[in-house]
Protein backbone atom coordinates (compact mmCIF):
# COMPACT_ATOMS: atom_id res chain seq x y z
CA MET A 1 25.34 121.70 21.05
CA LYS A 2 22.52 121.23 23.37
CA TYR A 3 21.18 118.23 21.56
CA ALA A 4 25.05 116.66 21.07
CA LYS A 5 25.36 116.35 24.96
CA GLY A 6 21.91 115.08 25.54
CA SER A 7 22.72 112.60 22.56
CA PHE A 8 25.70 111.49 23.99
CA ALA A 9 24.32 111.14 27.50
CA LEU A 10 21.46 108.78 25.84
CA LEU A 11 23.65 106.70 23.99
CA GLY A 12 25.79 106.21 27.18
CA LEU A 13 23.27 105.31 28.93
CA ILE A 14 22.26 102.65 26.25
CA LEU A 15 25.58 101.30 26.12
CA VAL A 16 26.00 101.05 29.72
CA VAL A 17 22.35 99.37 30.39
CA GLY A 18 22.86 97.18 27.08
CA THR A 19 26.17 96.03 28.47
CA GLY A 20 24.86 95.30 31.98
CA ILE A 21 21.92 93.32 30.28
CA ASN A 22 23.73 91.18 28.32
CA ALA A 23 26.55 90.60 30.66
CA PHE A 24 23.88 89.83 33.34
CA GLY A 25 22.00 86.97 31.64
CA PHE A 26 18.83 88.82 30.96
CA LEU A 27 19.40 88.53 27.33
CA GLY A 28 20.23 84.78 27.52
CA PHE A 29 23.86 85.42 28.31
CA ARG A 30 26.02 82.64 26.80
CA ASN A 31 29.49 81.69 26.92
CA THR A 32 32.06 78.70 26.83
CA ALA A 33 35.28 77.53 28.46
CA SER A 34 37.72 75.09 27.18
CA TRP A 35 41.00 73.42 28.91
CA LYS A 36 43.33 70.71 28.72
CA GLU A 37 42.94 68.53 31.72
CA ASP A 38 45.19 65.78 32.76
CA VAL A 39 43.22 62.61 33.91
CA LYS A 40 44.64 59.17 35.92
CA LEU A 41 42.57 56.27 35.05
CA LEU A 42 42.02 53.56 37.58
CA ASP A 43 44.79 51.53 35.35
CA GLY A 44 47.42 54.28 36.56
CA ARG A 45 47.60 56.00 32.79
CA VAL A 46 47.50 59.62 32.50
CA ILE A 47 45.48 61.07 29.78
CA THR A 48 45.09 64.70 28.56
CA ILE A 49 41.53 65.30 27.92
CA THR A 50 39.60 68.58 26.43
CA GLN A 51 36.99 69.79 28.77
CA GLN A 52 34.78 72.50 27.13
CA ARG A 53 31.44 73.78 29.26
CA ARG A 54 28.65 76.02 27.93
CA TYR A 55 27.50 78.91 30.44
CA GLU A 56 24.33 80.77 30.69
CA GLY A 57 24.07 84.12 32.79
CA VAL A 58 21.49 83.73 35.94
CA TYR A 59 20.47 85.72 38.65
CA THR A 60 20.40 84.15 42.17
CA GLY A 61 18.31 86.65 43.39
CA GLN A 62 21.43 88.61 45.41
CA ASP A 63 23.65 88.53 42.63
CA TYR A 64 24.53 87.56 39.01
CA GLY A 65 26.49 84.69 37.67
CA SER A 66 26.66 82.02 35.26
CA VAL A 67 25.68 78.13 35.44
CA VAL A 68 26.82 75.19 33.43
CA ARG A 69 24.48 74.14 30.98
CA GLU A 70 26.25 71.90 28.68
CA ALA A 71 29.42 70.11 29.09
CA TRP A 72 32.05 68.17 26.39
CA LEU A 73 34.83 65.73 27.35
CA THR A 74 36.90 64.94 24.16
CA PHE A 75 39.79 62.69 24.39
CA ARG A 76 41.63 59.40 22.85
CA LEU A 77 42.41 56.08 24.04
CA LEU A 78 44.37 53.05 22.09
CA GLU A 79 42.04 50.20 22.84
CA PHE A 80 39.03 52.38 21.50
CA GLY A 81 40.62 52.74 18.12
CA ASN A 82 42.87 56.04 19.10
CA GLN A 83 40.05 58.25 17.33
CA ASP A 84 38.31 61.30 19.22
CA ILE A 85 35.84 60.04 21.73
CA ILE A 86 33.34 62.97 22.75
CA TRP A 87 30.97 62.85 25.55
CA HIS A 88 28.38 65.26 25.59
CA GLU A 89 25.22 65.99 28.10
CA ASN A 90 23.61 68.89 29.85
CA LEU A 91 25.70 67.78 33.07
CA LYS A 92 29.05 68.59 34.99
CA PRO A 93 31.11 65.76 34.62
CA ARG A 94 32.97 64.38 37.33
CA ILE A 95 34.57 60.93 36.57
CA LEU A 96 35.93 59.44 33.29
CA ASN A 97 37.47 56.25 33.99
CA LEU A 98 38.02 52.81 32.65
CA HIS A 99 37.24 49.18 34.69
CA ASN A 100 37.50 46.04 33.45
CA GLY A 101 37.77 47.19 30.05
CA LYS A 102 34.91 49.66 30.01
CA LEU A 103 34.80 53.39 29.47
CA TYR A 104 32.65 55.35 32.02
CA VAL A 105 31.60 58.96 32.50
CA VAL A 106 29.68 59.85 35.86
CA GLY A 107 27.86 63.68 35.98
CA VAL A 108 25.98 65.50 38.19
CA ALA A 109 23.04 67.91 37.28
CA PRO A 110 24.12 71.71 37.66
CA THR A 111 20.44 72.89 38.51
CA GLY A 112 16.97 71.63 39.04
CA LEU A 113 16.28 72.11 35.55
CA GLU A 114 18.88 69.20 34.61
CA PHE A 115 18.02 67.25 37.83
CA ASP A 116 14.39 67.06 36.27
CA GLN A 117 15.39 66.73 32.63
CA TYR A 118 17.51 63.55 33.66
CA GLY A 119 14.79 61.98 36.06
CA LYS A 120 15.57 63.18 39.05
CA PRO A 121 18.00 60.43 40.00
CA ARG A 122 18.57 59.09 43.31
CA PRO A 123 21.51 59.18 44.25
CA PRO A 124 22.15 62.23 41.86
CA TYR A 125 25.02 60.79 39.55
CA ILE A 126 24.14 60.04 36.05
CA GLY A 127 26.02 57.47 34.53
CA PHE A 128 27.47 56.43 30.85
CA ARG A 129 29.01 53.75 29.22
CA TYR A 130 30.65 53.69 25.78
CA GLN A 131 30.01 50.67 24.13
CA ALA A 132 29.72 50.27 20.12
CA GLY A 133 30.52 53.81 19.48
CA LYS A 134 27.98 55.44 21.50
CA TRP A 135 27.60 56.66 24.93
CA LEU A 136 24.49 54.84 26.62
CA ARG A 137 22.78 55.97 30.23
CA ILE A 138 23.26 53.49 32.36
CA PRO A 139 21.26 52.83 35.92
CA PHE A 140 23.43 54.08 38.98
CA ALA A 141 24.16 50.40 40.23
CA ASP A 142 25.88 49.89 37.06
CA ILE A 143 28.72 52.51 38.03
CA PRO A 144 31.37 50.39 39.06
CA GLU A 145 32.46 51.17 42.69
CA ALA A 146 36.28 51.28 41.87
CA ILE A 147 35.67 54.12 39.96
CA TYR A 148 33.91 56.35 42.66
CA ASP A 149 36.76 58.91 43.28
CA THR A 150 36.32 62.06 41.21
CA ASN A 151 38.94 62.48 38.89
CA LEU A 152 37.74 65.56 36.62
CA TRP A 153 38.28 69.40 37.81
CA ILE A 154 34.86 70.03 39.99
CA GLU A 155 34.85 74.12 39.77
CA ASN A 156 33.38 76.08 36.74
CA VAL A 157 36.51 76.91 35.15
CA PRO A 158 40.21 76.30 35.17
CA PRO A 159 42.43 78.09 38.31
CA ASN A 160 43.50 81.43 37.32
CA LYS A 161 41.73 81.17 34.10
CA SER A 162 44.77 78.79 32.70
CA GLY A 163 44.20 76.79 29.63
CA HIS A 164 45.29 73.36 31.60
CA VAL A 165 44.24 71.64 34.66
CA SER A 166 47.14 69.63 36.31
CA PHE A 167 47.24 67.07 39.23
CA ALA A 168 48.53 69.76 41.27
CA ASP A 169 45.42 71.93 40.89
CA LYS A 170 43.17 68.84 41.21
CA ALA A 171 44.91 68.15 44.75
CA ALA A 172 44.36 71.77 45.94
CA GLU A 173 40.82 71.52 44.93
CA MET A 174 40.22 68.46 46.85
CA ARG A 175 41.75 70.13 50.17
CA ASP A 176 39.41 72.86 49.94
CA ALA A 177 37.36 72.86 53.18
CA GLU A 178 34.43 74.27 51.43
CA LEU A 179 34.43 71.09 48.93
CA ARG A 180 31.83 68.61 50.11
CA LYS A 181 32.44 65.04 50.43
CA HIS A 182 30.19 63.96 47.96
CA HIS A 183 31.70 66.05 45.73
CA LYS A 184 35.09 64.28 46.17
CA LYS A 185 33.81 60.93 45.66
CA ILE A 186 30.32 59.17 44.63
CA ASP A 187 27.99 58.66 47.82
CA PRO A 188 25.29 56.18 47.18
CA ASN A 189 23.62 57.32 50.25
CA TYR A 190 23.67 61.22 49.21
CA GLN A 191 20.21 62.83 48.34
CA GLU A 192 19.64 66.48 47.60
CA ASN A 193 17.23 68.48 49.19
């Protein structure tokens, strides 16, 4: 019986430590979240998109958490053949919009790793235009000022872990006193430290 107690204690310790290590990213914790999201376009239309993000566990020096490493937007628009259009990058998307018949996505780097990967853009917004069935990266100057307002969910996961982000959720997010101006709208003068 003496060995059994010791074995159970050792097994318990291995499970606790192993679970903690996996949950907190020491072994490359990866997780995804996906949700439906209502998006209002510049022309007044409302579309429903699917947003998906892949996260990795991180240690901030004080706490454990997760950071976005990849994001996908999936949606359909009649003028682009009503087929699934998928945008996928190592960014957090902020804007999905149309201007003068052209489709745009604007994202931001979630960490310095992606900021470096995308060439340390100044200002730190990375634009894409959909053209001939492909997403092409465009210079900041080619992002139309008319679409500067953020119209995608900013937080890492939907409110209350629901599977849907509504306009009411986004309005509440925009009223959050901790949300800074450059998150709500592209600021051409914004420079990250």
